Amino acid sequence: MSHSTETLFVRIRRAAFGDLLLGLLVVLSIDYVVLAMEPGVFATTLLVLPLFLFVPGYAVLAALFPSRGSTAEVSTLRGPREMRATGIDLTERFILSYGVSLGLLPILGVALAATPLGLTRESIFGALPAIVGLSVAITVVRRRTLRADRQFQLPIGTWGGQFRSWIGAGSALDGLVNLALVVCVVGAVAMVGFAVLSPPTSAEYSEMSLLTESESGELVAGGTPEQVAVGEEIPVVLQVTNSHAEAQSYSVVVQVQRVNENGGVTGRQQLDRFQHRIGSDSQWRNPHTVAVPTTGDRLRVTYLLYEGQAPSNPTMANADKSLHFWVTATESGN
């Protein structure tokens, strides 16, 4: 059983389309794994590297150049024949695969953005296998028209032998050093790829502001009165912005605080309390009025914002966000 399995593997490896089957298998496997994983994870980016930076370009080049690179005797206008390279060799194929892959990405992005699918994670990971699959089909047809000795094949067997010889060259210590060098190079490439392909995660935060209506009817920041009568209603608009990736419940506590000359709070009284659930990347505006119930010339009307439930003793120190405005309250008519 093991002999037949090994024979099948060798046959696929030596076939003219063995490299294409390998490339298509890599793309489909990456698609399956990546779409099931969270974006931004290092392992995801490590898998995405060959999908974005190599395999699509390699498949397109395979369709354009189905034969192996070689030299051939050609005629020139001057008369004498000379040897010239035909096709592309293995080194050129690998280098150009990287360049072609990078060139395909913006074209693919513009094309997807113009379709009803839009430019999404799912559409990108669906389009790349389609490009590779189409290129594979074209390449198989074109390679079958060539002689066996002209069909391009990856020298996997040669590579394996050379790698084993390089690792095993010299003493056991030399072999370990060579292996460590390979690991370091692969790790460095993976880290660079992670930095390039992983978009910076957007900051998640909550924001609160107080707005008042101007004479023209527009909402502007500030504009609260500096002096009011006790019990006089002050119209304001509370605005809370949720920039988190998920919906968030908020609690807002409104207090009037008496503050001494050193900035210490000598007394506080709750004026109002609000609760609201805000969707992701959404905003909530709450028009309301506040009235100062006591006289004083150092009164601070304070808004305390909490993500979730407010504590039993809300203060500026334990609030997620806070803002305030100062007001002097006098007896009515004074």
Protein backbone atom coordinates (compact mmCIF):
# COMPACT_ATOMS: atom_id res chain seq x y z
CA MET A 1 0.00 0.00 0.00
CA SER A 2 2.80 2.40 0.92
CA HIS A 3 4.58 1.52 -2.36
CA SER A 4 1.52 2.39 -4.45
CA THR A 5 1.05 5.65 -2.56
CA GLU A 6 4.68 6.61 -3.10
CA THR A 7 4.41 5.73 -6.78
CA LEU A 8 1.33 7.92 -7.17
CA PHE A 9 3.10 10.82 -5.48
CA VAL A 10 6.14 10.42 -7.71
CA ARG A 11 3.95 10.33 -10.80
CA ILE A 12 2.14 13.52 -9.80
CA ARG A 13 5.41 15.22 -8.92
CA ARG A 14 6.93 14.33 -12.28
CA ALA A 15 3.82 15.17 -14.30
CA ALA A 16 3.82 18.29 -16.44
CA PHE A 17 0.97 19.69 -14.37
CA GLY A 18 2.19 18.60 -10.93
CA ASP A 19 3.27 22.12 -9.96
CA LEU A 20 -0.13 23.46 -11.01
CA LEU A 21 -2.00 20.91 -8.94
CA LEU A 22 0.18 21.85 -5.99
CA GLY A 23 -0.52 25.56 -6.50
CA LEU A 24 -4.27 25.04 -6.81
CA LEU A 25 -4.26 22.81 -3.72
CA VAL A 26 -2.38 25.48 -1.75
CA VAL A 27 -4.87 28.18 -2.79
CA LEU A 28 -7.95 26.12 -1.92
CA SER A 29 -6.47 25.01 1.40
CA ILE A 30 -5.54 28.56 2.37
CA ASP A 31 -8.99 29.81 1.38
CA TYR A 32 -10.69 27.18 3.53
CA VAL A 33 -8.49 27.81 6.56
CA VAL A 34 -8.26 31.61 6.37
CA LEU A 35 -12.00 32.22 5.94
CA ALA A 36 -12.59 30.18 9.09
CA MET A 37 -10.02 32.17 11.10
CA GLU A 38 -10.10 35.65 12.55
CA PRO A 39 -8.44 38.35 10.40
CA GLY A 40 -5.27 39.92 11.78
CA VAL A 41 -4.00 36.73 13.42
CA PHE A 42 -0.33 36.02 12.70
CA ALA A 43 -1.05 32.49 11.47
CA THR A 44 -3.64 33.88 9.05
CA THR A 45 -1.17 36.35 7.60
CA LEU A 46 1.48 33.64 7.30
CA LEU A 47 -0.93 31.56 5.24
CA VAL A 48 -2.02 34.52 3.13
CA LEU A 49 1.54 35.35 2.06
CA PRO A 50 1.82 32.75 -0.74
CA LEU A 51 -1.78 33.36 -1.79
CA PHE A 52 -1.25 37.08 -2.35
CA LEU A 53 2.43 37.35 -3.22
CA PHE A 54 3.30 34.26 -5.24
CA VAL A 55 0.74 31.68 -6.37
CA PRO A 56 -1.47 33.91 -8.62
CA GLY A 57 1.55 35.31 -10.47
CA TYR A 58 3.08 31.86 -10.79
CA ALA A 59 -0.15 30.46 -12.28
CA VAL A 60 -0.49 33.33 -14.78
CA LEU A 61 3.15 32.96 -15.85
CA ALA A 62 2.63 29.21 -16.26
CA ALA A 63 -0.19 29.95 -18.71
CA LEU A 64 1.92 32.51 -20.59
CA PHE A 65 5.12 30.42 -20.62
CA PRO A 66 4.21 26.71 -20.56
CA SER A 67 7.66 25.54 -21.66
CA ARG A 68 10.93 25.44 -19.79
CA GLY A 69 13.59 28.04 -20.51
CA SER A 70 16.36 27.01 -22.89
CA THR A 71 18.73 28.34 -25.52
CA ALA A 72 18.17 27.90 -29.21
CA GLU A 73 20.07 28.72 -32.37
CA VAL A 74 18.28 31.51 -34.24
CA SER A 75 18.95 33.45 -37.43
CA THR A 76 19.79 37.15 -37.30
CA LEU A 77 19.46 39.90 -39.85
CA ARG A 78 23.23 40.02 -40.20
CA GLY A 79 23.37 36.45 -41.36
CA PRO A 80 25.29 34.36 -38.79
CA ARG A 81 23.29 32.27 -36.39
CA GLU A 82 23.63 32.79 -32.65
CA MET A 83 22.36 31.17 -29.45
CA ARG A 84 19.57 33.02 -27.68
CA ALA A 85 17.48 32.24 -24.61
CA THR A 86 13.89 31.22 -25.25
CA GLY A 87 11.14 31.31 -22.62
CA ILE A 88 12.03 32.02 -18.99
CA ASP A 89 14.17 29.95 -16.67
CA LEU A 90 13.29 28.86 -13.15
CA THR A 91 14.87 31.86 -11.40
CA GLU A 92 13.13 34.34 -13.68
CA ARG A 93 9.85 32.50 -13.21
CA PHE A 94 10.02 32.81 -9.42
CA ILE A 95 11.07 36.47 -9.44
CA LEU A 96 8.41 37.43 -11.98
CA SER A 97 5.76 35.50 -10.04
CA TYR A 98 6.19 37.95 -7.18
CA GLY A 99 5.96 40.98 -9.50
CA VAL A 100 2.95 39.67 -11.43
CA SER A 101 1.13 38.86 -8.17
CA LEU A 102 1.64 42.41 -6.91
CA GLY A 103 0.43 43.75 -10.26
CA LEU A 104 -2.71 41.61 -10.17
CA LEU A 105 -3.88 42.79 -6.74
CA PRO A 106 -4.82 46.41 -7.64
CA ILE A 107 -6.44 45.26 -10.89
CA LEU A 108 -8.45 42.67 -8.99
CA GLY A 109 -9.44 45.25 -6.38
CA VAL A 110 -10.75 47.72 -8.99
CA ALA A 111 -12.62 44.95 -10.84
CA LEU A 112 -14.31 43.66 -7.68
CA ALA A 113 -15.23 47.17 -6.55
CA ALA A 114 -17.08 47.68 -9.84
CA THR A 115 -19.16 44.52 -9.40
CA PRO A 116 -22.20 43.91 -7.17
CA LEU A 117 -19.96 41.74 -4.98
CA GLY A 118 -17.92 44.72 -3.87
CA LEU A 119 -14.41 44.68 -2.45
CA THR A 120 -14.81 42.42 0.57
CA ARG A 121 -12.70 39.77 2.27
CA GLU A 122 -14.96 37.03 0.92
CA SER A 123 -14.93 38.34 -2.66
CA ILE A 124 -11.12 38.61 -2.70
CA PHE A 125 -10.63 35.10 -1.35
CA GLY A 126 -13.15 33.85 -3.92
CA ALA A 127 -11.61 35.65 -6.89
CA LEU A 128 -8.01 34.52 -6.33
CA PRO A 129 -8.79 30.78 -6.63
CA ALA A 130 -10.81 31.56 -9.76
CA ILE A 131 -7.80 33.29 -11.33
CA VAL A 132 -5.50 30.44 -10.37
CA GLY A 133 -7.98 27.79 -11.55
CA LEU A 134 -8.45 29.46 -14.95
CA SER A 135 -4.68 29.82 -15.37
CA VAL A 136 -4.19 26.16 -14.45
CA ALA A 137 -6.72 25.04 -17.07
CA ILE A 138 -5.04 27.13 -19.78
CA THR A 139 -1.59 25.90 -18.76
CA VAL A 140 -2.59 22.23 -18.85
CA VAL A 141 -3.96 22.63 -22.38
CA ARG A 142 -0.88 24.50 -23.60
CA ARG A 143 1.64 22.14 -21.99
CA ARG A 144 -0.02 19.10 -23.54
CA THR A 145 0.78 20.52 -26.99
CA LEU A 146 4.51 20.48 -26.19
CA ARG A 147 6.96 17.62 -26.26
CA ALA A 148 7.64 16.02 -22.89
CA ASP A 149 11.19 17.37 -22.78
CA ARG A 150 9.92 20.93 -23.41
CA GLN A 151 7.21 20.93 -20.74
CA PHE A 152 8.12 22.92 -17.63
CA GLN A 153 8.46 20.91 -14.40
CA LEU A 154 9.59 21.88 -10.94
CA PRO A 155 12.85 20.07 -10.04
CA ILE A 156 11.56 19.04 -6.64
CA GLY A 157 13.70 15.91 -6.47
CA THR A 158 16.85 17.89 -7.23
CA TRP A 159 15.97 20.49 -4.63
CA GLY A 160 15.42 17.85 -1.98
CA GLY A 161 18.77 16.24 -2.64
CA GLN A 162 20.60 19.57 -2.63
CA PHE A 163 18.92 20.65 0.61
CA ARG A 164 19.80 17.39 2.35
CA SER A 165 23.39 17.68 1.15
CA TRP A 166 23.63 21.28 2.35
CA ILE A 167 22.16 20.51 5.78
CA GLY A 168 24.30 17.41 6.19
CA ALA A 169 27.52 18.99 4.95
CA GLY A 170 30.31 19.14 7.50
CA SER A 171 29.90 18.24 11.15
CA ALA A 172 26.66 17.85 13.11
CA LEU A 173 27.21 21.37 14.48
CA ASP A 174 27.47 22.76 10.95
CA GLY A 175 24.21 21.03 10.07
CA LEU A 176 22.45 22.59 13.06
CA VAL A 177 23.81 26.03 12.13
CA ASN A 178 22.57 25.64 8.55
CA LEU A 179 19.15 24.53 9.75
CA ALA A 180 18.95 27.46 12.19
CA LEU A 181 19.82 29.81 9.33
CA VAL A 182 16.93 28.46 7.28
CA VAL A 183 14.55 28.89 10.22
CA CYS A 184 15.73 32.48 10.78
CA VAL A 185 15.28 33.40 7.11
CA VAL A 186 11.77 31.91 6.99
CA GLY A 187 10.87 33.66 10.24
CA ALA A 188 12.16 37.01 8.97
CA VAL A 189 10.14 36.70 5.77
CA ALA A 190 7.04 35.78 7.78
CA MET A 191 7.45 38.78 10.10
CA VAL A 192 7.88 41.18 7.17
CA GLY A 193 4.83 39.71 5.50
CA PHE A 194 2.81 40.06 8.68
CA ALA A 195 3.78 43.73 8.96
CA VAL A 196 2.93 44.42 5.31
CA LEU A 197 -0.29 42.44 4.93
CA SER A 198 -1.86 42.99 8.34
CA PRO A 199 -3.71 46.31 8.39
CA PRO A 200 -3.33 48.26 11.60
CA THR A 201 -6.24 47.56 13.88
CA SER A 202 -8.46 50.57 14.21
CA ALA A 203 -8.71 52.00 17.71
CA GLU A 204 -11.95 51.29 19.54
CA TYR A 205 -13.25 54.03 21.78
CA SER A 206 -16.30 55.86 23.09
CA GLU A 207 -16.75 59.60 22.79
CA MET A 208 -19.09 62.07 24.48
CA SER A 209 -19.79 65.73 23.79
CA LEU A 210 -22.28 68.42 24.83
CA LEU A 211 -23.91 70.55 22.16
CA THR A 212 -26.19 73.58 22.24
CA GLU A 213 -28.36 75.12 19.57
CA SER A 214 -27.05 78.35 18.06
CA GLU A 215 -29.18 81.28 16.90
CA SER A 216 -29.16 79.82 13.39
CA GLY A 217 -30.49 76.50 14.68
CA GLU A 218 -27.22 74.60 14.27
CA LEU A 219 -25.76 72.38 16.98
CA VAL A 220 -22.43 73.68 18.21
CA ALA A 221 -20.01 72.77 20.98
CA GLY A 222 -20.19 74.97 24.04
CA GLY A 223 -22.69 77.79 24.31
CA THR A 224 -23.96 76.91 27.80
CA PRO A 225 -24.90 79.92 29.98
CA GLU A 226 -22.46 81.07 32.65
CA GLN A 227 -25.17 82.30 35.03
CA VAL A 228 -28.68 80.95 35.63
CA ALA A 229 -31.42 81.15 38.23
CA VAL A 230 -32.05 78.27 40.56
CA GLY A 231 -34.39 75.82 38.83
CA GLU A 232 -33.93 77.44 35.40
CA GLU A 233 -33.82 74.82 32.64
CA ILE A 234 -30.68 74.73 30.49
CA PRO A 235 -31.29 73.05 27.09
CA VAL A 236 -28.39 70.86 25.94
CA VAL A 237 -27.87 67.94 23.56
CA LEU A 238 -25.83 64.99 24.78
CA GLN A 239 -23.98 63.20 21.96
CA VAL A 240 -22.38 59.78 22.48
CA THR A 241 -20.39 58.02 19.74
CA ASN A 242 -19.66 54.28 19.76
CA SER A 243 -16.56 53.50 17.71
CA HIS A 244 -16.32 49.92 18.92
CA ALA A 245 -16.64 46.96 16.55
CA GLU A 246 -19.81 45.83 18.35
CA ALA A 247 -22.92 47.44 19.81
CA GLN A 248 -22.39 48.89 23.27
CA SER A 249 -24.69 49.79 26.17
CA TYR A 250 -23.98 53.12 27.86
CA SER A 251 -25.00 54.80 31.11
CA VAL A 252 -24.72 58.56 31.63
CA VAL A 253 -25.01 60.19 35.06
CA VAL A 254 -25.54 63.97 35.29
CA GLN A 255 -24.43 65.65 38.52
CA VAL A 256 -24.07 69.15 39.88
CA GLN A 257 -20.92 69.37 41.98
CA ARG A 258 -19.79 72.05 44.41
CA VAL A 259 -16.03 72.53 44.06
CA ASN A 260 -13.72 74.40 46.46
CA GLU A 261 -10.77 76.58 45.49
CA ASN A 262 -8.37 73.62 45.58
CA GLY A 263 -10.45 71.65 43.08
CA GLY A 264 -11.90 69.26 45.63
CA VAL A 265 -15.56 68.25 45.44
CA THR A 266 -17.32 69.24 48.63
CA GLY A 267 -20.79 68.14 47.56
CA ARG A 268 -22.62 66.54 44.65
CA GLN A 269 -26.23 65.92 43.64
CA GLN A 270 -27.59 63.80 40.81
CA LEU A 271 -29.64 65.72 38.25
CA ASP A 272 -30.44 63.03 35.72
CA ARG A 273 -29.46 59.58 34.43
CA PHE A 274 -29.68 58.06 30.92
CA GLN A 275 -29.17 54.61 29.45
CA HIS A 276 -28.97 53.72 25.78
CA ARG A 277 -27.59 50.97 23.54
CA ILE A 278 -25.68 52.25 20.52
CA GLY A 279 -24.78 50.19 17.47
CA SER A 280 -21.25 49.75 16.14
CA ASP A 281 -19.80 52.95 14.62
CA SER A 282 -23.02 54.78 15.46
CA GLN A 283 -24.01 57.94 17.28
CA TRP A 284 -26.79 58.84 19.70
CA ARG A 285 -28.06 62.34 20.42
CA ASN A 286 -30.24 63.04 23.43
CA PRO A 287 -31.80 66.53 23.68
CA HIS A 288 -32.73 67.31 27.30
CA THR A 289 -32.63 70.03 29.93
CA VAL A 290 -30.80 70.33 33.24
CA ALA A 291 -31.75 72.60 36.14
CA VAL A 292 -29.43 73.58 38.99
CA PRO A 293 -31.33 73.10 42.28
CA THR A 294 -29.11 75.22 44.54
CA THR A 295 -27.28 78.52 44.55
CA GLY A 296 -23.52 78.82 44.21
CA ASP A 297 -20.75 80.45 42.20
CA ARG A 298 -18.54 77.39 41.82
CA LEU A 299 -21.00 74.81 40.53
CA ARG A 300 -19.87 72.23 38.02
CA VAL A 301 -22.50 70.44 35.92
CA THR A 302 -20.78 67.13 35.16
CA TYR A 303 -21.64 64.31 32.73
CA LEU A 304 -20.17 60.88 33.56
CA LEU A 305 -20.15 58.24 30.82
CA TYR A 306 -19.91 54.51 31.57
CA GLU A 307 -19.71 51.58 29.19
CA GLY A 308 -22.36 49.33 30.72
CA GLN A 309 -23.91 50.00 34.12
CA ALA A 310 -22.89 52.97 36.24
CA PRO A 311 -21.49 52.20 39.72
CA SER A 312 -23.39 52.98 42.89
CA ASN A 313 -21.07 55.93 43.62
CA PRO A 314 -20.34 57.58 40.26
CA THR A 315 -17.41 60.00 40.23
CA MET A 316 -15.08 61.52 37.66
CA ALA A 317 -12.37 59.12 38.84
CA ASN A 318 -14.30 55.94 37.98
CA ALA A 319 -16.04 57.21 34.82
CA ASP A 320 -14.92 56.05 31.38
CA LYS A 321 -15.42 59.57 30.05
CA SER A 322 -16.47 62.84 31.67
CA LEU A 323 -17.13 66.41 30.66
CA HIS A 324 -18.57 69.46 32.41
CA PHE A 325 -19.45 73.11 32.25
CA TRP A 326 -19.30 75.76 34.98
CA VAL A 327 -22.28 77.81 36.07
CA THR A 328 -23.20 80.32 38.72
CA ALA A 329 -26.72 79.86 40.12
CA THR A 330 -28.57 82.65 41.93
CA GLU A 331 -31.99 83.07 43.44
CA SER A 332 -34.67 83.86 40.90
CA GLY A 333 -34.74 87.57 40.07
CA ASN A 334 -31.23 88.29 41.53
